[in-house]
């Protein structure tokens, strides 16, 4: 491929993170490299009567310190996180939306639950006080697309706006859709990523029937993907926003950095239970590599979906070993320090992979100590592994059969 064509590839120029183990990129990355977890006993409400009592809560976030007062009564916790991260990502990219063409800026985000906590609060008003006490903002604050809408309104972005709802896979699907729009020339500047925040009584009750949630009370042993003692996953809240730009346009405007290129993507869908067809995750991984024009040996690390559910971990480990060869590529799952953030999880993994590329270090899968027999993968455990990272693969699977894979590559 010629250098001119290469410059047209979308690159990430800014990051914004709100996570259980760190609010802001600097705090999150330091905690991740140190192995500091944000998973603990749920504190924002009394969960003692629930079978699930631990989670990855964002406790160091004070909305009024980051959100204009007029927006506080309009927005759910999820949206407050997303708005804050979007502002930080724009700042990180050195981009002032007021100086850019409003119709060439777009927003694509992912959410799997919408504004659950806001909805719970308004339903309590409806049942306890009457319909006249329900906020008019309930009409949109609960909606899956609200993060996209609020970000686009706040920053005057009038280009393409949409939302992806594919559960955990959504964070990757949103980034990939932003890439697609940039390559088509529909926009020149994309705000993309994913956020969820459903750790409230109503949200937790909605998740409990799903048998994949860990019931273990020990925060250090509740979420152990690929471990012989794995017992499910821990739910968390938060996510990440990425600024995605055409590389040539980013350099022309003087972007301060390029974290990496979104080089390849593919998505597949698993067959229904009982089908004679097998899981489609390996096909998604191969598709992403093919889209990037890369072979498996060029990938330096895989950021795993890491469900923590033994049968699903087995499928993922087998897919990685099938594509890359047994123990042929480092595999990591730093989400063990945050919990699974649903749509925010894959976006946060993508941001983490870009930071790993920047600094040449692979964060560890904390908690997991005894990789289950039969998992032929080189799981990074114990401590971070310093090594050059030129290309990373991020894998995500959503409840119901969604599989997504994204290849991120160094731009030098």
Protein backbone atom coordinates (compact mmCIF):
# COMPACT_ATOMS: atom_id res chain seq x y z
CA UNK A 1 0.00 0.00 0.00
CA UNK A 2 1.30 3.42 -0.87
CA UNK A 3 2.17 6.00 1.78
CA UNK A 4 -0.62 8.28 0.57
CA UNK A 5 -3.23 5.58 1.00
CA UNK A 6 -1.79 4.65 4.37
CA UNK A 7 -2.33 8.22 5.58
CA UNK A 8 -6.06 7.85 4.94
CA UNK A 9 -6.37 5.16 7.58
CA UNK A 10 -8.20 6.18 10.75
CA UNK A 11 -6.01 6.77 13.80
CA UNK A 12 -6.80 7.32 17.48
CA UNK A 13 -5.62 10.76 18.61
CA UNK A 14 -7.33 11.10 22.00
CA UNK A 15 -8.51 8.96 24.92
CA UNK A 16 -10.85 9.54 27.85
CA UNK A 17 -11.44 6.96 30.57
CA UNK A 18 -13.76 6.57 33.55
CA UNK A 19 -13.19 3.21 35.23
CA UNK A 20 -13.62 1.58 38.65
CA UNK A 21 -9.85 1.56 39.24
CA UNK A 22 -9.12 5.03 37.88
CA UNK A 23 -10.91 8.18 36.74
CA UNK A 24 -8.87 9.65 33.90
CA UNK A 25 -6.31 7.98 31.66
CA UNK A 26 -3.32 8.67 33.90
CA UNK A 27 -4.95 7.29 37.06
CA UNK A 28 -6.46 4.29 35.27
CA UNK A 29 -3.23 3.31 33.53
CA UNK A 30 -1.13 3.63 36.70
CA UNK A 31 -3.58 1.44 38.63
CA UNK A 32 -3.74 -1.10 35.81
CA UNK A 33 0.04 -1.47 35.60
CA UNK A 34 0.26 -1.74 39.40
CA UNK A 35 -2.45 -4.39 39.49
CA UNK A 36 -4.80 -2.27 41.64
CA UNK A 37 -8.37 -3.48 41.36
CA UNK A 38 -11.56 -1.44 41.53
CA UNK A 39 -13.67 -4.50 42.39
CA UNK A 40 -14.99 -4.47 45.94
CA UNK A 41 -18.14 -4.78 47.99
CA UNK A 42 -20.94 -2.70 46.45
CA UNK A 43 -21.16 0.52 48.46
CA UNK A 44 -23.58 2.88 46.72
CA UNK A 45 -26.58 0.90 47.95
CA UNK A 46 -27.22 -1.91 50.38
CA UNK A 47 -26.64 -5.12 48.41
CA UNK A 48 -26.56 -7.40 51.46
CA UNK A 49 -29.87 -9.00 50.51
CA UNK A 50 -28.79 -9.86 46.97
CA UNK A 51 -26.99 -13.03 45.83
CA UNK A 52 -24.46 -10.73 44.10
CA UNK A 53 -22.72 -8.32 46.47
CA UNK A 54 -19.49 -7.27 44.76
CA UNK A 55 -18.96 -5.07 41.71
CA UNK A 56 -16.68 -2.64 39.93
CA UNK A 57 -18.06 0.74 41.04
CA UNK A 58 -16.69 4.14 40.04
CA UNK A 59 -16.46 5.72 43.48
CA UNK A 60 -14.05 8.62 42.83
CA UNK A 61 -16.31 10.47 40.39
CA UNK A 62 -18.18 13.57 41.60
CA UNK A 63 -20.57 14.62 38.80
CA UNK A 64 -20.80 18.31 39.73
CA UNK A 65 -17.03 18.61 39.36
CA UNK A 66 -17.23 17.56 35.70
CA UNK A 67 -20.73 18.24 34.38
CA UNK A 68 -22.50 21.62 33.97
CA UNK A 69 -25.18 22.02 36.64
CA UNK A 70 -27.94 22.33 34.02
CA UNK A 71 -27.13 18.82 32.76
CA UNK A 72 -27.10 17.07 36.13
CA UNK A 73 -30.89 16.64 36.41
CA UNK A 74 -31.07 15.52 32.76
CA UNK A 75 -28.51 12.75 32.80
CA UNK A 76 -27.96 9.28 34.14
CA UNK A 77 -24.69 8.27 35.77
CA UNK A 78 -23.69 6.50 32.56
CA UNK A 79 -24.09 9.68 30.53
CA UNK A 80 -22.21 11.77 33.09
CA UNK A 81 -19.29 9.37 32.73
CA UNK A 82 -19.49 9.48 28.93
CA UNK A 83 -19.69 13.27 28.75
CA UNK A 84 -16.70 13.63 31.05
CA UNK A 85 -14.62 11.10 29.13
CA UNK A 86 -15.53 12.73 25.81
CA UNK A 87 -14.32 16.10 27.09
CA UNK A 88 -11.06 14.58 28.27
CA UNK A 89 -10.57 12.73 24.99
CA UNK A 90 -11.06 15.93 22.98
CA UNK A 91 -8.59 17.71 25.21
CA UNK A 92 -6.12 14.83 24.87
CA UNK A 93 -6.43 15.05 21.09
CA UNK A 94 -5.80 18.80 21.18
CA UNK A 95 -9.08 19.29 19.32
CA UNK A 96 -11.42 22.24 19.78
CA UNK A 97 -14.77 21.35 18.18
CA UNK A 98 -15.53 25.07 17.76
CA UNK A 99 -12.73 25.28 15.18
CA UNK A 100 -13.88 22.24 13.15
CA UNK A 101 -16.68 21.87 10.61
CA UNK A 102 -19.74 20.88 12.64
CA UNK A 103 -21.05 18.62 9.87
CA UNK A 104 -17.74 16.74 9.57
CA UNK A 105 -17.76 15.67 13.23
CA UNK A 106 -19.68 12.54 14.19
CA UNK A 107 -20.50 10.53 17.32
CA UNK A 108 -21.01 6.77 17.56
CA UNK A 109 -21.29 5.15 20.99
CA UNK A 110 -22.43 1.83 22.42
CA UNK A 111 -24.62 1.04 25.40
CA UNK A 112 -26.26 -2.20 26.44
CA UNK A 113 -28.52 -1.02 29.26
CA UNK A 114 -29.15 2.70 28.84
CA UNK A 115 -29.71 4.97 31.81
CA UNK A 116 -30.83 2.30 34.28
CA UNK A 117 -30.30 4.25 37.49
CA UNK A 118 -32.16 7.30 36.17
CA UNK A 119 -35.03 5.04 35.13
CA UNK A 120 -35.17 3.39 38.54
CA UNK A 121 -35.38 6.77 40.28
CA UNK A 122 -38.24 7.95 38.08
CA UNK A 123 -40.16 4.69 38.44
CA UNK A 124 -39.91 5.04 42.20
CA UNK A 125 -41.43 8.51 41.88
CA UNK A 126 -44.20 7.14 39.69
CA UNK A 127 -45.11 4.37 42.12
CA UNK A 128 -44.56 6.31 45.33
CA UNK A 129 -45.67 9.85 44.47
CA UNK A 130 -47.57 9.87 41.21
CA UNK A 131 -47.06 10.56 37.51
CA UNK A 132 -46.78 14.32 37.97
CA UNK A 133 -43.52 13.83 39.88
CA UNK A 134 -41.79 11.95 37.07
CA UNK A 135 -39.10 14.00 35.33
CA UNK A 136 -39.70 14.97 31.72
CA UNK A 137 -36.08 14.02 31.12
CA UNK A 138 -37.03 10.37 31.64
CA UNK A 139 -38.20 10.47 28.01
CA UNK A 140 -34.59 10.31 26.84
CA UNK A 141 -32.26 9.86 29.84
CA UNK A 142 -32.89 6.09 29.90
CA UNK A 143 -32.37 5.61 26.15
CA UNK A 144 -29.45 3.66 24.66
CA UNK A 145 -28.61 6.51 22.29
CA UNK A 146 -28.55 9.24 24.95
CA UNK A 147 -24.76 9.33 25.27
CA UNK A 148 -24.40 9.94 21.54
CA UNK A 149 -27.05 12.67 21.70
CA UNK A 150 -25.66 14.48 24.72
CA UNK A 151 -22.08 14.42 23.42
CA UNK A 152 -23.10 15.70 20.00
CA UNK A 153 -25.23 18.50 21.48
CA UNK A 154 -22.61 19.60 23.99
CA UNK A 155 -19.86 19.87 21.37
CA UNK A 156 -21.90 21.01 18.37
CA UNK A 157 -21.29 17.87 16.34
CA UNK A 158 -23.88 17.69 13.57
CA UNK A 159 -22.42 14.90 11.44
CA UNK A 160 -23.38 11.24 11.63
CA UNK A 161 -24.72 10.14 15.04
CA UNK A 162 -25.75 6.62 16.02
CA UNK A 163 -25.60 3.95 18.73
CA UNK A 164 -24.68 0.25 18.73
CA UNK A 165 -26.43 -2.20 21.05
CA UNK A 166 -24.48 -5.49 21.01
CA UNK A 167 -23.72 -5.80 24.74
CA UNK A 168 -20.00 -6.33 25.50
CA UNK A 169 -19.13 -6.37 21.79
CA UNK A 170 -20.67 -2.92 21.35
CA UNK A 171 -17.56 -0.98 22.33
CA UNK A 172 -15.62 -2.51 19.43
CA UNK A 173 -18.54 -2.28 17.01
CA UNK A 174 -18.85 1.46 17.70
CA UNK A 175 -15.16 2.07 17.01
CA UNK A 176 -15.38 0.01 13.84
CA UNK A 177 -18.43 1.94 12.65
CA UNK A 178 -16.59 5.20 13.26
CA UNK A 179 -13.70 3.85 11.19
CA UNK A 180 -16.11 2.89 8.40
CA UNK A 181 -17.59 6.38 8.28
CA UNK A 182 -14.16 8.00 8.15
CA UNK A 183 -13.04 5.75 5.33
CA UNK A 184 -16.16 6.57 3.36
CA UNK A 185 -15.51 10.27 3.80
CA UNK A 186 -18.84 10.78 5.60
CA UNK A 187 -16.99 12.56 8.43
CA UNK A 188 -13.43 13.61 9.23
CA UNK A 189 -13.58 13.43 13.01
CA UNK A 190 -15.27 10.80 15.20
CA UNK A 191 -16.03 10.56 18.90
CA UNK A 192 -16.61 6.90 19.65
CA UNK A 193 -16.55 4.31 22.44
CA UNK A 194 -18.92 2.79 24.96
CA UNK A 195 -20.32 3.25 28.47
CA UNK A 196 -22.68 1.45 30.81
CA UNK A 197 -23.59 1.93 34.48
CA UNK A 198 -26.25 -0.46 35.72
CA UNK A 199 -24.97 -1.08 39.26
CA UNK A 200 -28.14 0.02 41.02
CA UNK A 201 -30.84 -2.12 42.68
CA UNK A 202 -33.02 -2.33 39.56
CA UNK A 203 -30.02 -2.91 37.32
CA UNK A 204 -28.60 -5.63 39.55
CA UNK A 205 -31.95 -7.41 39.79
CA UNK A 206 -32.15 -7.41 35.99
CA UNK A 207 -28.71 -9.03 35.75
CA UNK A 208 -29.04 -11.68 38.45
CA UNK A 209 -31.18 -14.13 36.41
CA UNK A 210 -28.26 -14.35 33.97
CA UNK A 211 -26.35 -17.24 35.50
CA UNK A 212 -22.96 -15.96 34.31
CA UNK A 213 -22.64 -13.49 37.20
CA UNK A 214 -20.26 -14.55 39.97
CA UNK A 215 -21.91 -15.18 43.34
CA UNK A 216 -18.62 -15.26 45.22
CA UNK A 217 -18.23 -12.67 48.01
CA UNK A 218 -14.45 -12.32 47.94
CA UNK A 219 -13.56 -9.30 45.73
CA UNK A 220 -10.14 -10.82 45.01
CA UNK A 221 -11.57 -14.18 43.92
CA UNK A 222 -14.86 -13.20 42.36
CA UNK A 223 -13.69 -12.80 38.77
CA UNK A 224 -11.02 -15.25 37.61
CA UNK A 225 -11.11 -15.72 33.83
CA UNK A 226 -9.26 -18.76 32.49
CA UNK A 227 -8.59 -19.92 36.08
CA UNK A 228 -9.37 -23.44 37.26
CA UNK A 229 -11.45 -21.76 39.99
CA UNK A 230 -13.43 -19.48 37.63
CA UNK A 231 -17.04 -18.96 38.69
CA UNK A 232 -18.43 -16.23 36.43
CA UNK A 233 -17.85 -12.52 36.01
CA UNK A 234 -18.26 -9.43 38.17
CA UNK A 235 -20.29 -6.55 36.74
CA UNK A 236 -18.79 -3.07 36.60
CA UNK A 237 -19.50 0.41 35.32
CA UNK A 238 -17.63 2.93 33.21
CA UNK A 239 -15.90 2.80 29.84
CA UNK A 240 -13.81 4.82 27.42
CA UNK A 241 -14.10 7.36 24.63
CA UNK A 242 -11.71 7.38 21.67
CA UNK A 243 -11.15 10.21 19.19
CA UNK A 244 -10.81 8.73 15.74
CA UNK A 245 -9.60 10.78 12.78
CA UNK A 246 -8.41 10.41 9.24
CA UNK A 247 -4.64 10.30 9.67
CA UNK A 248 -3.93 12.93 7.02
CA UNK A 249 -6.54 15.33 8.45
CA UNK A 250 -5.23 14.77 12.00
CA UNK A 251 -1.69 15.66 10.98
CA UNK A 252 -2.88 18.65 9.00
CA UNK A 253 -4.64 20.09 12.04
CA UNK A 254 -1.60 19.41 14.22
CA UNK A 255 -2.85 16.54 16.39
CA UNK A 256 -0.46 16.06 19.28
CA UNK A 257 -0.19 12.26 19.09
CA UNK A 258 -1.34 9.13 17.34
CA UNK A 259 -1.94 6.28 19.76
CA UNK A 260 -2.39 3.85 16.91
CA UNK A 261 -4.30 2.92 13.80
CA UNK A 262 -7.58 1.01 13.72
CA UNK A 263 -6.25 -1.45 11.19
CA UNK A 264 -8.78 -4.28 11.04
CA UNK A 265 -12.19 -5.42 12.23
CA UNK A 266 -14.62 -8.27 11.81
CA UNK A 267 -17.80 -9.45 13.51
CA UNK A 268 -19.59 -12.78 13.51
CA UNK A 269 -22.60 -14.29 15.21
CA UNK A 270 -22.68 -17.62 17.02
CA UNK A 271 -25.27 -20.20 16.01
CA UNK A 272 -28.15 -20.92 18.39
CA UNK A 273 -27.73 -23.56 21.11
CA UNK A 274 -28.01 -27.06 19.72
CA UNK A 275 -26.81 -26.11 16.26
CA UNK A 276 -24.43 -28.43 14.43
CA UNK A 277 -22.33 -25.34 13.63
CA UNK A 278 -19.62 -24.42 16.12
CA UNK A 279 -18.76 -21.06 17.72
CA UNK A 280 -17.77 -18.28 15.30
CA UNK A 281 -15.17 -16.45 17.42
CA UNK A 282 -12.12 -17.79 15.55
CA UNK A 283 -13.69 -16.66 12.28
CA UNK A 284 -14.07 -13.12 13.67
CA UNK A 285 -10.40 -13.07 14.70
CA UNK A 286 -9.28 -14.27 11.28
CA UNK A 287 -11.55 -11.75 9.60
CA UNK A 288 -10.04 -8.87 11.57
CA UNK A 289 -6.52 -10.02 10.70
CA UNK A 290 -7.45 -10.34 7.03
CA UNK A 291 -9.02 -6.88 7.07
CA UNK A 292 -5.77 -5.49 8.49
CA UNK A 293 -3.68 -7.38 5.94
CA UNK A 294 -1.76 -9.07 8.75
CA UNK A 295 -0.87 -12.61 9.69
CA UNK A 296 -1.20 -14.01 13.24
CA UNK A 297 2.53 -13.77 13.87
CA UNK A 298 2.39 -9.98 13.61
CA UNK A 299 0.11 -9.63 16.65
CA UNK A 300 2.02 -8.94 19.88
CA UNK A 301 -0.83 -9.31 22.37
CA UNK A 302 -4.46 -10.39 22.56
CA UNK A 303 -6.80 -8.55 24.92
CA UNK A 304 -9.27 -11.32 25.66
CA UNK A 305 -13.00 -11.08 26.22
CA UNK A 306 -12.42 -13.20 29.34
CA UNK A 307 -15.95 -14.02 30.47
CA UNK A 308 -14.88 -15.91 33.58
CA UNK A 309 -17.49 -18.57 32.74
CA UNK A 310 -15.59 -21.85 32.29
CA UNK A 311 -17.40 -23.07 29.18
CA UNK A 312 -17.07 -19.67 27.49
CA UNK A 313 -13.43 -19.29 28.54
CA UNK A 314 -12.77 -22.69 26.97
CA UNK A 315 -14.26 -21.54 23.66
CA UNK A 316 -12.17 -18.37 23.66
CA UNK A 317 -8.94 -20.13 24.63
CA UNK A 318 -9.51 -22.69 21.88
CA UNK A 319 -10.17 -19.95 19.29
CA UNK A 320 -6.97 -18.07 20.24
CA UNK A 321 -4.89 -21.26 20.13
CA UNK A 322 -6.47 -22.26 16.82
CA UNK A 323 -5.63 -18.95 15.13
CA UNK A 324 -2.25 -18.18 16.70
CA UNK A 325 -1.00 -21.60 17.71
CA UNK A 326 -0.66 -23.01 21.25
CA UNK A 327 0.86 -20.45 23.63
CA UNK A 328 2.16 -18.43 20.69
CA UNK A 329 0.96 -14.95 21.66
CA UNK A 330 0.63 -13.19 25.05
CA UNK A 331 -2.99 -12.98 26.20
CA UNK A 332 -4.26 -10.62 28.87
CA UNK A 333 -7.51 -9.54 30.52
CA UNK A 334 -6.96 -6.43 32.65
CA UNK A 335 -10.74 -6.18 33.04
CA UNK A 336 -10.20 -8.39 36.09
CA UNK A 337 -9.45 -5.04 37.81
CA UNK A 338 -12.71 -3.39 36.70
CA UNK A 339 -15.24 -6.14 36.16
CA UNK A 340 -17.05 -6.53 32.87
CA UNK A 341 -18.39 -3.10 31.93
CA UNK A 342 -20.74 -4.36 29.23
CA UNK A 343 -20.52 -1.91 26.29
CA UNK A 344 -17.89 0.05 28.18
CA UNK A 345 -15.66 -2.99 28.58
CA UNK A 346 -14.49 -3.47 25.01
CA UNK A 347 -13.97 0.27 24.51
CA UNK A 348 -11.84 0.32 27.67
CA UNK A 349 -9.89 -2.70 26.41
CA UNK A 350 -9.20 -0.86 23.15
CA UNK A 351 -7.93 2.17 25.07
CA UNK A 352 -5.80 -0.11 27.28
CA UNK A 353 -4.32 -1.82 24.22
CA UNK A 354 -3.36 1.57 22.77
CA UNK A 355 -1.64 2.53 26.03
CA UNK A 356 0.18 -0.81 26.00
CA UNK A 357 1.41 -0.01 22.49
CA UNK A 358 2.53 3.46 23.57
CA UNK A 359 4.52 2.27 26.59
CA UNK A 360 5.65 -1.20 25.53
CA UNK A 361 4.07 -3.08 28.41
CA UNK A 362 1.30 -5.67 28.69
CA UNK A 363 -0.80 -5.35 31.87
CA UNK A 364 -1.45 -8.52 33.84
CA UNK A 365 -4.60 -10.54 34.37
CA UNK A 366 -4.82 -10.05 38.12
CA UNK A 367 -6.52 -12.57 40.38
CA UNK A 368 -6.06 -15.49 38.00
CA UNK A 369 -3.20 -17.64 39.31
CA UNK A 370 -3.93 -21.18 38.12
CA UNK A 371 -4.72 -21.35 34.42
CA UNK A 372 -7.08 -24.25 33.84
CA UNK A 373 -5.68 -27.33 32.15
CA UNK A 374 -6.50 -27.50 28.49
CA UNK A 375 -6.27 -23.74 27.94
CA UNK A 376 -3.32 -23.58 25.58
CA UNK A 377 -2.72 -19.82 25.93
CA UNK A 378 0.13 -17.70 27.27
CA UNK A 379 -1.88 -15.75 29.83
CA UNK A 380 -0.02 -12.79 31.36
CA UNK A 381 -0.48 -13.20 35.11
CA UNK A 382 1.31 -12.04 38.24
CA UNK A 383 2.75 -8.79 36.94
CA UNK A 384 2.88 -6.63 33.84
CA UNK A 385 5.17 -7.83 31.06
CA UNK A 386 7.48 -5.30 29.43
CA UNK A 387 7.82 -5.99 25.71
CA UNK A 388 7.45 -4.01 22.47
CA UNK A 389 3.83 -3.92 21.33
CA UNK A 390 3.42 -2.94 17.69
CA UNK A 391 0.03 -4.52 17.11
CA UNK A 392 -2.76 -5.72 19.39
CA UNK A 393 -5.94 -7.71 18.90
CA UNK A 394 -8.96 -6.90 21.08
CA UNK A 395 -11.69 -9.54 21.35
CA UNK A 396 -15.23 -8.98 22.65
CA UNK A 397 -18.32 -11.16 22.89
CA UNK A 398 -21.82 -9.96 23.65
CA UNK A 399 -24.62 -11.90 25.30
CA UNK A 400 -26.72 -13.61 22.64
CA UNK A 401 -23.92 -14.60 20.29
CA UNK A 402 -22.14 -11.40 19.21
CA UNK A 403 -18.42 -11.73 18.43
CA UNK A 404 -16.17 -8.82 17.48
CA UNK A 405 -12.43 -8.51 16.92
CA UNK A 406 -10.43 -5.33 16.39
CA UNK A 407 -6.80 -4.96 15.30
CA UNK A 408 -4.89 -1.90 16.52
CA UNK A 409 -1.50 -1.14 14.99
CA UNK A 410 1.36 1.30 15.66
CA UNK A 411 1.40 4.13 13.15
CA UNK A 412 5.17 4.72 12.79
